[in-house]
N, C-alpha and C. Protein backbone atom coordinates (compact mmCIF):
# COMPACT_ATOMS: atom_id res chain seq x y z
N MET A 1 0.83 -1.20 0.00
CA MET A 1 0.00 0.00 0.00
C MET A 1 0.87 1.26 0.00
N ILE A 2 0.38 2.31 -0.65
CA ILE A 2 1.10 3.57 -0.71
C ILE A 2 0.47 4.55 0.28
N TYR A 3 1.32 5.11 1.14
CA TYR A 3 0.83 6.06 2.14
C TYR A 3 0.34 7.31 1.43
N ASN A 4 -0.86 7.76 1.79
CA ASN A 4 -1.47 8.92 1.15
C ASN A 4 -1.87 9.93 2.23
N LYS A 5 -1.22 11.08 2.22
CA LYS A 5 -1.48 12.10 3.24
C LYS A 5 -2.93 12.58 3.18
N ASN A 6 -3.50 12.64 1.99
CA ASN A 6 -4.87 13.10 1.84
C ASN A 6 -5.85 12.15 2.54
N ILE A 7 -5.60 10.85 2.42
CA ILE A 7 -6.47 9.87 3.09
C ILE A 7 -6.35 10.03 4.60
N ARG A 8 -5.15 10.22 5.08
CA ARG A 8 -4.93 10.39 6.52
C ARG A 8 -5.72 11.60 7.04
N GLU A 9 -5.66 12.70 6.31
CA GLU A 9 -6.38 13.90 6.72
C GLU A 9 -7.88 13.69 6.67
N ARG A 10 -8.35 12.93 5.67
CA ARG A 10 -9.79 12.64 5.57
C ARG A 10 -10.25 11.79 6.75
N ILE A 11 -9.41 10.85 7.17
CA ILE A 11 -9.75 10.02 8.32
C ILE A 11 -9.89 10.88 9.57
N ILE A 12 -8.93 11.76 9.78
CA ILE A 12 -8.95 12.63 10.97
C ILE A 12 -10.15 13.57 10.92
N ASP A 13 -10.39 14.19 9.77
CA ASP A 13 -11.52 15.12 9.65
C ASP A 13 -12.85 14.41 9.88
N THR A 14 -12.96 13.20 9.34
CA THR A 14 -14.19 12.43 9.51
C THR A 14 -14.38 12.04 10.97
N ALA A 15 -13.29 11.64 11.61
CA ALA A 15 -13.37 11.26 13.02
C ALA A 15 -13.84 12.43 13.87
N VAL A 16 -13.25 13.60 13.66
CA VAL A 16 -13.64 14.79 14.43
C VAL A 16 -15.11 15.12 14.19
N GLU A 17 -15.54 15.01 12.94
CA GLU A 17 -16.94 15.30 12.60
C GLU A 17 -17.89 14.34 13.31
N ARG A 18 -17.56 13.07 13.31
CA ARG A 18 -18.42 12.08 13.97
C ARG A 18 -18.34 12.19 15.49
N PHE A 19 -17.15 12.47 16.01
CA PHE A 19 -17.02 12.69 17.45
C PHE A 19 -17.89 13.87 17.88
N ASN A 20 -17.90 14.90 17.04
CA ASN A 20 -18.66 16.10 17.34
C ASN A 20 -20.16 15.81 17.35
N HIS A 21 -20.58 14.94 16.44
CA HIS A 21 -22.02 14.67 16.30
C HIS A 21 -22.50 13.57 17.25
N TYR A 22 -21.70 12.51 17.39
CA TYR A 22 -22.15 11.35 18.16
C TYR A 22 -21.40 11.15 19.49
N GLY A 23 -20.27 11.83 19.65
CA GLY A 23 -19.43 11.60 20.82
C GLY A 23 -18.39 10.53 20.53
N VAL A 24 -17.32 10.55 21.29
CA VAL A 24 -16.23 9.61 21.08
C VAL A 24 -16.67 8.17 21.35
N ALA A 25 -17.35 7.97 22.47
CA ALA A 25 -17.70 6.61 22.88
C ALA A 25 -18.61 5.91 21.88
N LYS A 26 -19.51 6.66 21.24
CA LYS A 26 -20.49 6.05 20.35
C LYS A 26 -20.01 5.96 18.90
N THR A 27 -18.85 6.50 18.63
CA THR A 27 -18.30 6.43 17.27
C THR A 27 -17.37 5.23 17.15
N THR A 28 -17.59 4.41 16.14
CA THR A 28 -16.75 3.23 15.94
C THR A 28 -15.81 3.44 14.76
N MET A 29 -14.75 2.67 14.75
CA MET A 29 -13.81 2.73 13.63
C MET A 29 -14.49 2.28 12.35
N ALA A 30 -15.40 1.31 12.46
CA ALA A 30 -16.11 0.82 11.28
C ALA A 30 -16.91 1.93 10.62
N GLU A 31 -17.53 2.79 11.44
CA GLU A 31 -18.31 3.91 10.90
C GLU A 31 -17.41 4.92 10.21
N ILE A 32 -16.25 5.16 10.80
CA ILE A 32 -15.30 6.10 10.18
C ILE A 32 -14.81 5.54 8.86
N ILE A 33 -14.48 4.26 8.84
CA ILE A 33 -14.02 3.60 7.62
C ILE A 33 -15.06 3.71 6.52
N GLN A 34 -16.31 3.45 6.88
CA GLN A 34 -17.39 3.50 5.90
C GLN A 34 -17.59 4.92 5.36
N THR A 35 -17.53 5.90 6.25
CA THR A 35 -17.74 7.29 5.83
C THR A 35 -16.62 7.77 4.92
N VAL A 36 -15.39 7.42 5.26
CA VAL A 36 -14.25 7.83 4.44
C VAL A 36 -14.25 7.10 3.10
N GLY A 37 -14.77 5.87 3.11
CA GLY A 37 -14.82 5.09 1.88
C GLY A 37 -13.55 4.33 1.60
N ILE A 38 -12.96 3.77 2.66
CA ILE A 38 -11.74 2.99 2.51
C ILE A 38 -11.97 1.61 3.12
N SER A 39 -11.01 0.72 2.93
CA SER A 39 -11.11 -0.62 3.50
C SER A 39 -10.50 -0.64 4.89
N SER A 40 -10.81 -1.69 5.63
CA SER A 40 -10.21 -1.86 6.97
C SER A 40 -8.70 -1.97 6.87
N ALA A 41 -8.24 -2.65 5.82
CA ALA A 41 -6.79 -2.81 5.62
C ALA A 41 -6.12 -1.46 5.40
N THR A 42 -6.79 -0.59 4.65
CA THR A 42 -6.24 0.74 4.42
C THR A 42 -6.21 1.54 5.71
N MET A 43 -7.26 1.42 6.51
CA MET A 43 -7.30 2.15 7.78
C MET A 43 -6.12 1.76 8.67
N THR A 44 -5.81 0.47 8.73
CA THR A 44 -4.73 0.03 9.62
C THR A 44 -3.37 0.56 9.18
N LEU A 45 -3.27 0.99 7.94
CA LEU A 45 -2.03 1.59 7.47
C LEU A 45 -1.79 2.93 8.17
N TYR A 46 -2.88 3.57 8.58
CA TYR A 46 -2.79 4.90 9.20
C TYR A 46 -3.04 4.84 10.71
N PHE A 47 -4.10 4.15 11.10
CA PHE A 47 -4.44 4.03 12.53
C PHE A 47 -4.98 2.63 12.78
N SER A 48 -4.37 1.93 13.71
CA SER A 48 -4.79 0.55 13.96
C SER A 48 -5.99 0.46 14.89
N ASN A 49 -6.26 1.52 15.65
CA ASN A 49 -7.42 1.52 16.55
C ASN A 49 -7.83 2.95 16.88
N LYS A 50 -8.92 3.09 17.59
CA LYS A 50 -9.47 4.42 17.89
C LYS A 50 -8.57 5.21 18.83
N ILE A 51 -7.88 4.51 19.72
CA ILE A 51 -6.99 5.21 20.65
C ILE A 51 -5.88 5.93 19.88
N GLU A 52 -5.31 5.25 18.89
CA GLU A 52 -4.27 5.89 18.07
C GLU A 52 -4.82 7.11 17.35
N LEU A 53 -6.04 7.01 16.87
CA LEU A 53 -6.67 8.12 16.15
C LEU A 53 -6.91 9.30 17.09
N ILE A 54 -7.44 9.01 18.27
CA ILE A 54 -7.67 10.06 19.26
C ILE A 54 -6.35 10.73 19.64
N ALA A 55 -5.33 9.90 19.87
CA ALA A 55 -4.02 10.44 20.25
C ALA A 55 -3.48 11.37 19.18
N GLU A 56 -3.69 11.03 17.93
CA GLU A 56 -3.19 11.87 16.84
C GLU A 56 -3.91 13.22 16.81
N ILE A 57 -5.21 13.21 17.06
CA ILE A 57 -5.97 14.46 17.08
C ILE A 57 -5.49 15.34 18.24
N VAL A 58 -5.28 14.73 19.39
CA VAL A 58 -4.80 15.49 20.55
C VAL A 58 -3.39 16.02 20.29
N LYS A 59 -2.52 15.20 19.70
CA LYS A 59 -1.16 15.65 19.37
C LYS A 59 -1.20 16.86 18.45
N HIS A 60 -2.08 16.81 17.47
CA HIS A 60 -2.21 17.93 16.53
C HIS A 60 -2.66 19.19 17.26
N THR A 61 -3.59 19.03 18.19
CA THR A 61 -4.08 20.18 18.97
C THR A 61 -2.96 20.78 19.81
N LEU A 62 -2.19 19.92 20.47
CA LEU A 62 -1.10 20.40 21.32
C LEU A 62 0.01 21.05 20.49
N GLN A 63 0.25 20.51 19.30
CA GLN A 63 1.24 21.11 18.42
C GLN A 63 0.79 22.50 17.97
N GLU A 64 -0.49 22.62 17.68
CA GLU A 64 -1.05 23.93 17.31
C GLU A 64 -0.89 24.92 18.45
N GLU A 65 -1.10 24.44 19.67
CA GLU A 65 -0.91 25.30 20.85
C GLU A 65 0.54 25.76 20.95
N ARG A 66 1.48 24.82 20.79
CA ARG A 66 2.90 25.17 20.90
C ARG A 66 3.28 26.24 19.89
N GLU A 67 2.79 26.09 18.67
CA GLU A 67 3.11 27.06 17.63
C GLU A 67 2.57 28.45 17.98
N GLN A 68 1.35 28.49 18.50
CA GLN A 68 0.77 29.78 18.87
C GLN A 68 1.47 30.38 20.09
N ILE A 69 1.86 29.53 21.03
CA ILE A 69 2.60 30.02 22.21
C ILE A 69 3.92 30.65 21.78
N ASN A 70 4.64 29.97 20.91
CA ASN A 70 5.93 30.50 20.44
C ASN A 70 5.76 31.81 19.67
N ARG A 71 4.64 31.93 18.98
CA ARG A 71 4.41 33.12 18.15
C ARG A 71 3.83 34.28 18.94
N LEU A 72 2.97 33.98 19.91
CA LEU A 72 2.19 35.04 20.56
C LEU A 72 2.65 35.39 21.97
N ILE A 73 3.55 34.58 22.54
CA ILE A 73 4.04 34.88 23.89
C ILE A 73 5.55 35.09 23.81
N PRO A 74 5.99 36.32 23.61
CA PRO A 74 7.43 36.60 23.51
C PRO A 74 8.14 36.37 24.84
N LYS A 75 9.42 36.09 24.79
CA LYS A 75 10.18 35.79 26.00
C LYS A 75 10.19 36.94 26.99
N GLY A 76 10.09 38.16 26.50
CA GLY A 76 10.15 39.31 27.40
C GLY A 76 8.84 39.68 28.05
N MET A 77 7.75 39.00 27.69
CA MET A 77 6.44 39.33 28.26
C MET A 77 6.41 38.94 29.74
N ARG A 78 5.80 39.77 30.57
CA ARG A 78 5.70 39.48 31.99
C ARG A 78 4.81 38.26 32.23
N VAL A 79 4.92 37.71 33.44
CA VAL A 79 4.30 36.41 33.72
C VAL A 79 2.79 36.42 33.58
N LEU A 80 2.11 37.34 34.24
CA LEU A 80 0.65 37.30 34.23
C LEU A 80 0.06 37.52 32.83
N PRO A 81 0.53 38.50 32.05
CA PRO A 81 0.04 38.61 30.67
C PRO A 81 0.33 37.35 29.85
N SER A 82 1.47 36.71 30.13
CA SER A 82 1.80 35.46 29.42
C SER A 82 0.81 34.36 29.76
N ILE A 83 0.46 34.27 31.05
CA ILE A 83 -0.52 33.27 31.48
C ILE A 83 -1.88 33.55 30.84
N TYR A 84 -2.28 34.81 30.84
CA TYR A 84 -3.56 35.17 30.21
C TYR A 84 -3.58 34.77 28.74
N LYS A 85 -2.49 35.05 28.06
CA LYS A 85 -2.41 34.71 26.64
C LYS A 85 -2.45 33.20 26.45
N LEU A 86 -1.77 32.47 27.32
CA LEU A 86 -1.78 31.01 27.25
C LEU A 86 -3.20 30.47 27.40
N LEU A 87 -3.94 30.99 28.36
CA LEU A 87 -5.31 30.53 28.59
C LEU A 87 -6.20 30.82 27.39
N GLU A 88 -5.98 31.97 26.76
CA GLU A 88 -6.76 32.32 25.57
C GLU A 88 -6.42 31.39 24.41
N ILE A 89 -5.14 31.05 24.27
CA ILE A 89 -4.72 30.13 23.21
C ILE A 89 -5.35 28.75 23.43
N ARG A 90 -5.33 28.29 24.66
CA ARG A 90 -5.93 26.98 24.96
C ARG A 90 -7.41 26.97 24.64
N GLU A 91 -8.09 28.05 24.98
CA GLU A 91 -9.53 28.10 24.73
C GLU A 91 -9.82 28.03 23.23
N ARG A 92 -8.97 28.68 22.44
CA ARG A 92 -9.18 28.65 20.98
C ARG A 92 -8.89 27.28 20.40
N THR A 93 -7.77 26.68 20.81
CA THR A 93 -7.37 25.41 20.20
C THR A 93 -8.19 24.24 20.71
N ARG A 94 -8.45 24.20 22.01
CA ARG A 94 -9.21 23.08 22.57
C ARG A 94 -10.71 23.32 22.52
N GLY A 95 -11.10 24.59 22.48
CA GLY A 95 -12.52 24.91 22.49
C GLY A 95 -13.28 24.37 21.31
N LYS A 96 -12.59 24.22 20.18
CA LYS A 96 -13.29 23.73 18.99
C LYS A 96 -13.68 22.26 19.13
N TYR A 97 -13.14 21.59 20.16
CA TYR A 97 -13.49 20.19 20.40
C TYR A 97 -14.48 20.04 21.56
N ASN A 98 -15.03 21.15 22.04
CA ASN A 98 -15.92 21.08 23.19
C ASN A 98 -17.07 20.10 22.99
N HIS A 99 -17.62 20.05 21.77
CA HIS A 99 -18.79 19.22 21.52
C HIS A 99 -18.43 17.79 21.11
N THR A 100 -17.14 17.51 20.96
CA THR A 100 -16.74 16.16 20.54
C THR A 100 -16.64 15.22 21.72
N GLN A 101 -16.64 15.75 22.94
CA GLN A 101 -16.36 14.96 24.15
C GLN A 101 -14.95 14.40 24.09
N LEU A 102 -14.09 15.04 23.30
CA LEU A 102 -12.72 14.55 23.15
C LEU A 102 -11.81 15.21 24.17
N ILE A 103 -11.78 16.54 24.17
CA ILE A 103 -10.99 17.25 25.16
C ILE A 103 -11.79 17.44 26.44
N TYR A 104 -13.07 17.80 26.28
CA TYR A 104 -13.92 17.98 27.45
C TYR A 104 -15.14 17.08 27.30
N GLY A 105 -15.29 16.11 28.19
CA GLY A 105 -16.40 15.18 28.10
C GLY A 105 -17.56 15.59 28.98
N TYR A 106 -18.72 15.06 28.72
CA TYR A 106 -19.90 15.40 29.50
C TYR A 106 -19.80 14.91 30.94
N ASP A 107 -19.02 13.87 31.17
CA ASP A 107 -18.90 13.33 32.52
C ASP A 107 -17.73 13.93 33.28
N GLY A 108 -17.10 14.93 32.72
CA GLY A 108 -15.97 15.56 33.38
C GLY A 108 -14.90 15.90 32.37
N VAL A 109 -14.01 16.80 32.74
CA VAL A 109 -12.95 17.20 31.83
C VAL A 109 -12.08 15.99 31.51
N TYR A 110 -11.84 15.77 30.23
CA TYR A 110 -11.01 14.67 29.74
C TYR A 110 -11.63 13.30 30.02
N SER A 111 -12.91 13.24 30.35
CA SER A 111 -13.51 11.96 30.71
C SER A 111 -13.48 11.00 29.54
N GLY A 112 -13.22 9.75 29.84
CA GLY A 112 -13.27 8.72 28.83
C GLY A 112 -12.04 8.62 27.95
N LEU A 113 -11.07 9.51 28.13
CA LEU A 113 -9.87 9.44 27.32
C LEU A 113 -8.95 8.34 27.83
N PRO A 114 -8.23 7.68 26.92
CA PRO A 114 -7.25 6.69 27.36
C PRO A 114 -6.21 7.34 28.27
N GLU A 115 -5.68 6.58 29.20
CA GLU A 115 -4.72 7.12 30.16
C GLU A 115 -3.51 7.72 29.46
N SER A 116 -3.06 7.09 28.37
CA SER A 116 -1.89 7.60 27.66
C SER A 116 -2.15 8.98 27.08
N VAL A 117 -3.36 9.20 26.58
CA VAL A 117 -3.71 10.50 26.01
C VAL A 117 -3.89 11.53 27.11
N LEU A 118 -4.52 11.12 28.20
CA LEU A 118 -4.70 12.01 29.35
C LEU A 118 -3.35 12.48 29.87
N THR A 119 -2.40 11.55 29.96
CA THR A 119 -1.06 11.90 30.42
C THR A 119 -0.40 12.89 29.47
N MET A 120 -0.62 12.70 28.18
CA MET A 120 -0.07 13.60 27.17
C MET A 120 -0.57 15.03 27.37
N ILE A 121 -1.88 15.17 27.60
CA ILE A 121 -2.48 16.49 27.78
C ILE A 121 -1.96 17.16 29.05
N LYS A 122 -1.99 16.42 30.14
CA LYS A 122 -1.56 17.00 31.41
C LYS A 122 -0.07 17.34 31.40
N SER A 123 0.73 16.53 30.73
CA SER A 123 2.16 16.81 30.61
C SER A 123 2.38 18.10 29.83
N ALA A 124 1.61 18.29 28.76
CA ALA A 124 1.72 19.52 27.97
C ALA A 124 1.31 20.72 28.80
N ASP A 125 0.25 20.57 29.61
CA ASP A 125 -0.20 21.67 30.47
C ASP A 125 0.91 22.11 31.42
N VAL A 126 1.55 21.14 32.05
CA VAL A 126 2.62 21.45 33.02
C VAL A 126 3.81 22.09 32.31
N LYS A 127 4.18 21.57 31.15
CA LYS A 127 5.32 22.12 30.41
C LYS A 127 5.08 23.56 29.99
N GLN A 128 3.85 23.85 29.54
CA GLN A 128 3.52 25.21 29.13
C GLN A 128 3.65 26.18 30.31
N LEU A 129 3.14 25.78 31.46
CA LEU A 129 3.21 26.64 32.64
C LEU A 129 4.64 26.74 33.17
N THR A 130 5.37 25.64 33.11
CA THR A 130 6.76 25.64 33.57
C THR A 130 7.60 26.64 32.77
N LEU A 131 7.38 26.68 31.47
CA LEU A 131 8.12 27.60 30.61
C LEU A 131 7.91 29.05 31.05
N ILE A 132 6.67 29.42 31.30
CA ILE A 132 6.37 30.80 31.68
C ILE A 132 6.89 31.11 33.08
N LEU A 133 6.69 30.20 34.02
CA LEU A 133 7.16 30.43 35.38
C LEU A 133 8.69 30.50 35.44
N ARG A 134 9.37 29.68 34.64
CA ARG A 134 10.83 29.72 34.61
C ARG A 134 11.33 31.08 34.12
N ARG A 135 10.66 31.63 33.14
CA ARG A 135 11.03 32.96 32.66
C ARG A 135 10.87 34.00 33.77
N GLY A 136 9.79 33.84 34.55
CA GLY A 136 9.57 34.76 35.66
C GLY A 136 10.64 34.66 36.73
N LEU A 137 11.11 33.44 36.98
CA LEU A 137 12.19 33.24 37.95
C LEU A 137 13.49 33.86 37.44
N ARG A 138 13.79 33.63 36.18
CA ARG A 138 15.05 34.12 35.62
C ARG A 138 15.09 35.64 35.54
N SER A 139 13.93 36.25 35.31
CA SER A 139 13.88 37.71 35.21
C SER A 139 13.84 38.38 36.58
N GLY A 140 13.58 37.59 37.62
CA GLY A 140 13.47 38.14 38.96
C GLY A 140 12.07 38.61 39.31
N GLU A 141 11.13 38.45 38.38
CA GLU A 141 9.75 38.86 38.65
C GLU A 141 9.13 37.98 39.73
N LEU A 142 9.48 36.69 39.73
CA LEU A 142 8.98 35.76 40.73
C LEU A 142 10.10 35.38 41.68
N LYS A 143 9.74 35.07 42.92
CA LYS A 143 10.72 34.66 43.92
C LYS A 143 10.98 33.16 43.78
N ASP A 144 12.04 32.72 44.43
CA ASP A 144 12.46 31.32 44.29
C ASP A 144 11.43 30.36 44.88
N PHE A 145 11.14 29.29 44.15
CA PHE A 145 10.22 28.25 44.59
C PHE A 145 10.51 26.99 43.79
N PRO A 146 10.05 25.83 44.27
CA PRO A 146 10.27 24.57 43.53
C PRO A 146 9.45 24.58 42.24
N LEU A 147 10.10 24.85 41.14
CA LEU A 147 9.42 25.12 39.87
C LEU A 147 8.49 24.00 39.44
N GLN A 148 9.00 22.78 39.37
CA GLN A 148 8.20 21.68 38.85
C GLN A 148 6.98 21.40 39.72
N SER A 149 7.17 21.44 41.02
CA SER A 149 6.06 21.17 41.94
C SER A 149 4.97 22.23 41.82
N ILE A 150 5.39 23.49 41.73
CA ILE A 150 4.43 24.58 41.65
C ILE A 150 3.72 24.57 40.30
N ALA A 151 4.45 24.29 39.22
CA ALA A 151 3.82 24.23 37.90
C ALA A 151 2.78 23.12 37.85
N THR A 152 3.09 21.99 38.47
CA THR A 152 2.14 20.87 38.51
C THR A 152 0.92 21.24 39.34
N LEU A 153 1.15 21.87 40.49
CA LEU A 153 0.04 22.30 41.34
C LEU A 153 -0.85 23.31 40.62
N TYR A 154 -0.23 24.23 39.92
CA TYR A 154 -0.96 25.27 39.19
C TYR A 154 -1.80 24.63 38.07
N ALA A 155 -1.21 23.67 37.36
CA ALA A 155 -1.95 22.98 36.30
C ALA A 155 -3.16 22.25 36.87
N GLU A 156 -2.99 21.61 38.03
CA GLU A 156 -4.10 20.91 38.66
C GLU A 156 -5.18 21.88 39.12
N LEU A 157 -4.77 23.06 39.55
CA LEU A 157 -5.73 24.09 39.96
C LEU A 157 -6.61 24.51 38.78
N LEU A 158 -5.98 24.76 37.64
CA LEU A 158 -6.73 25.15 36.45
C LEU A 158 -7.62 24.00 35.96
N TYR A 159 -7.07 22.79 36.04
CA TYR A 159 -7.84 21.60 35.67
C TYR A 159 -9.08 21.47 36.56
N GLY A 160 -8.89 21.71 37.86
CA GLY A 160 -10.00 21.61 38.80
C GLY A 160 -11.11 22.60 38.51
N LEU A 161 -10.74 23.79 38.07
CA LEU A 161 -11.75 24.79 37.72
C LEU A 161 -12.55 24.33 36.51
N ASN A 162 -11.87 23.78 35.52
CA ASN A 162 -12.57 23.23 34.36
C ASN A 162 -13.53 22.13 34.78
N LEU A 163 -13.06 21.27 35.66
CA LEU A 163 -13.89 20.16 36.11
C LEU A 163 -15.11 20.67 36.87
N GLY A 164 -14.90 21.66 37.73
CA GLY A 164 -16.00 22.21 38.50
C GLY A 164 -17.02 22.93 37.65
N ALA A 165 -16.57 23.45 36.50
CA ALA A 165 -17.47 24.19 35.62
C ALA A 165 -18.17 23.28 34.62
N ASN A 166 -17.79 22.00 34.61
CA ASN A 166 -18.43 21.05 33.71
C ASN A 166 -19.92 20.98 33.97
N ALA A 167 -20.72 20.90 32.93
CA ALA A 167 -22.17 20.99 33.06
C ALA A 167 -22.75 19.96 34.03
N ARG A 168 -22.29 18.71 33.94
CA ARG A 168 -22.87 17.68 34.79
C ARG A 168 -22.48 17.90 36.25
N VAL A 169 -21.21 18.28 36.46
CA VAL A 169 -20.75 18.54 37.82
C VAL A 169 -21.49 19.73 38.40
N CYS A 170 -21.75 20.74 37.57
CA CYS A 170 -22.49 21.91 38.04
C CYS A 170 -23.85 21.51 38.58
N ARG A 171 -24.53 20.62 37.87
CA ARG A 171 -25.85 20.20 38.32
C ARG A 171 -25.77 19.45 39.64
N MET A 172 -24.67 18.72 39.82
CA MET A 172 -24.52 17.95 41.05
C MET A 172 -24.21 18.84 42.24
N THR A 173 -23.42 19.89 42.01
CA THR A 173 -23.00 20.76 43.11
C THR A 173 -23.88 21.98 43.27
N LEU A 174 -24.81 22.17 42.32
CA LEU A 174 -25.71 23.32 42.33
C LEU A 174 -24.96 24.64 42.21
N SER A 175 -23.74 24.59 41.67
CA SER A 175 -22.97 25.82 41.48
C SER A 175 -23.27 26.40 40.10
N ASP A 176 -22.77 27.60 39.86
CA ASP A 176 -22.99 28.23 38.57
C ASP A 176 -22.22 27.49 37.48
N CYS A 177 -22.81 27.41 36.30
CA CYS A 177 -22.13 26.80 35.16
C CYS A 177 -21.66 27.90 34.22
N TYR A 178 -20.51 27.71 33.63
CA TYR A 178 -19.92 28.74 32.80
C TYR A 178 -19.69 28.21 31.39
N ASN A 179 -19.76 29.12 30.42
CA ASN A 179 -19.37 28.75 29.07
C ASN A 179 -17.85 28.84 28.98
N PRO A 180 -17.23 28.35 27.89
CA PRO A 180 -15.76 28.33 27.80
C PRO A 180 -15.11 29.69 28.02
N GLU A 181 -15.72 30.76 27.48
CA GLU A 181 -15.14 32.09 27.65
C GLU A 181 -15.16 32.52 29.12
N GLU A 182 -16.24 32.18 29.80
CA GLU A 182 -16.34 32.54 31.22
C GLU A 182 -15.35 31.74 32.06
N ILE A 183 -15.12 30.49 31.66
CA ILE A 183 -14.15 29.67 32.38
C ILE A 183 -12.76 30.29 32.28
N VAL A 184 -12.41 30.78 31.09
CA VAL A 184 -11.11 31.43 30.90
C VAL A 184 -10.99 32.64 31.82
N GLU A 185 -12.05 33.41 31.94
CA GLU A 185 -12.01 34.58 32.81
C GLU A 185 -11.83 34.17 34.27
N LYS A 186 -12.48 33.08 34.67
CA LYS A 186 -12.30 32.58 36.04
C LYS A 186 -10.87 32.09 36.24
N GLN A 187 -10.32 31.44 35.22
CA GLN A 187 -8.93 30.98 35.31
C GLN A 187 -7.98 32.16 35.44
N LYS A 188 -8.29 33.25 34.77
CA LYS A 188 -7.46 34.44 34.87
C LYS A 188 -7.52 35.03 36.28
N GLU A 189 -8.71 35.02 36.87
CA GLU A 189 -8.85 35.54 38.23
C GLU A 189 -8.02 34.72 39.21
N ILE A 190 -8.10 33.39 39.07
CA ILE A 190 -7.32 32.51 39.93
C ILE A 190 -5.83 32.71 39.68
N SER A 191 -5.46 32.86 38.41
CA SER A 191 -4.06 33.03 38.05
C SER A 191 -3.47 34.29 38.67
N LYS A 192 -4.26 35.35 38.70
CA LYS A 192 -3.78 36.61 39.29
C LYS A 192 -3.43 36.41 40.76
N ILE A 193 -4.29 35.71 41.48
CA ILE A 193 -4.03 35.44 42.89
C ILE A 193 -2.81 34.54 43.04
N PHE A 194 -2.74 33.51 42.23
CA PHE A 194 -1.65 32.52 42.31
C PHE A 194 -0.30 33.17 42.00
N ILE A 195 -0.23 33.91 40.89
CA ILE A 195 1.03 34.52 40.48
C ILE A 195 1.46 35.61 41.44
N ASN A 196 0.52 36.40 41.93
CA ASN A 196 0.88 37.43 42.91
C ASN A 196 1.47 36.80 44.17
N GLY A 197 0.99 35.61 44.53
CA GLY A 197 1.57 34.91 45.66
C GLY A 197 3.00 34.49 45.41
N LEU A 198 3.32 34.12 44.17
CA LEU A 198 4.68 33.70 43.82
C LEU A 198 5.64 34.89 43.72
N ARG A 199 5.11 36.09 43.73
CA ARG A 199 5.96 37.28 43.70
C ARG A 199 6.47 37.65 45.08
N GLN A 200 5.92 37.01 46.10
CA GLN A 200 6.31 37.33 47.47
C GLN A 200 7.45 36.41 47.91
N PRO A 201 8.40 36.94 48.68
CA PRO A 201 9.47 36.08 49.19
C PRO A 201 8.92 35.04 50.15
N VAL A 202 9.38 33.82 50.00
CA VAL A 202 8.89 32.73 50.84
C VAL A 202 10.08 32.05 51.50
N ASN A 203 10.02 31.87 52.80
CA ASN A 203 11.08 31.19 53.53
C ASN A 203 10.74 29.72 53.70
N ASN A 204 11.72 28.87 53.39
CA ASN A 204 11.54 27.43 53.56
C ASN A 204 10.28 26.94 52.87
N PHE A 205 10.16 27.26 51.58
CA PHE A 205 8.96 26.90 50.81
C PHE A 205 8.76 25.40 50.84
N SER A 206 7.54 24.99 51.15
CA SER A 206 7.22 23.57 51.20
C SER A 206 5.77 23.37 50.82
N LEU A 207 5.48 22.27 50.14
CA LEU A 207 4.11 21.94 49.78
C LEU A 207 3.47 21.02 50.81
N THR A 208 4.21 20.69 51.87
CA THR A 208 3.67 19.79 52.89
C THR A 208 3.32 20.57 54.14
């Protein structure tokens, strides 16, 4: 078989379209194969299972984020504006998958994703924040702290806000539900408090 980039793109586009309409869990590889108009043997040349296909879509999204971060967040930008810009970039790149249940599922943020893909997303989140916080440390804008631990904690904080704003969780907790744009604004509010705290000198910093 000859590898065809156009077929690969059609598979991905079809998968996203069906995920958007039916959800990830209810979409089968057989349906994608039928819609694209290829054989099962041809599909295995590109993706052997749905997990590989999902992982590729997520990889593409994260790559798009990296490119926008490199282009839109210059090294000299201060920490808080950089964080705000990062959150806006994430909303644009991941927001287009809101209805696919791929990045944000109805049962919770990232629900139903394979562990390998979930790890990929969370690792990217921490790396993005680590990059910005490291710049703040090097410039002297932020005081000394355990970078990796704080970046991980910060990523979990933002993740928790997304989870709490999820529609199903909102109904369970009777809290207000937010649309994606409102969630970003809430993340910015939390970020302002978090980053301002890191600007203060801390003695014997510990997470325990």
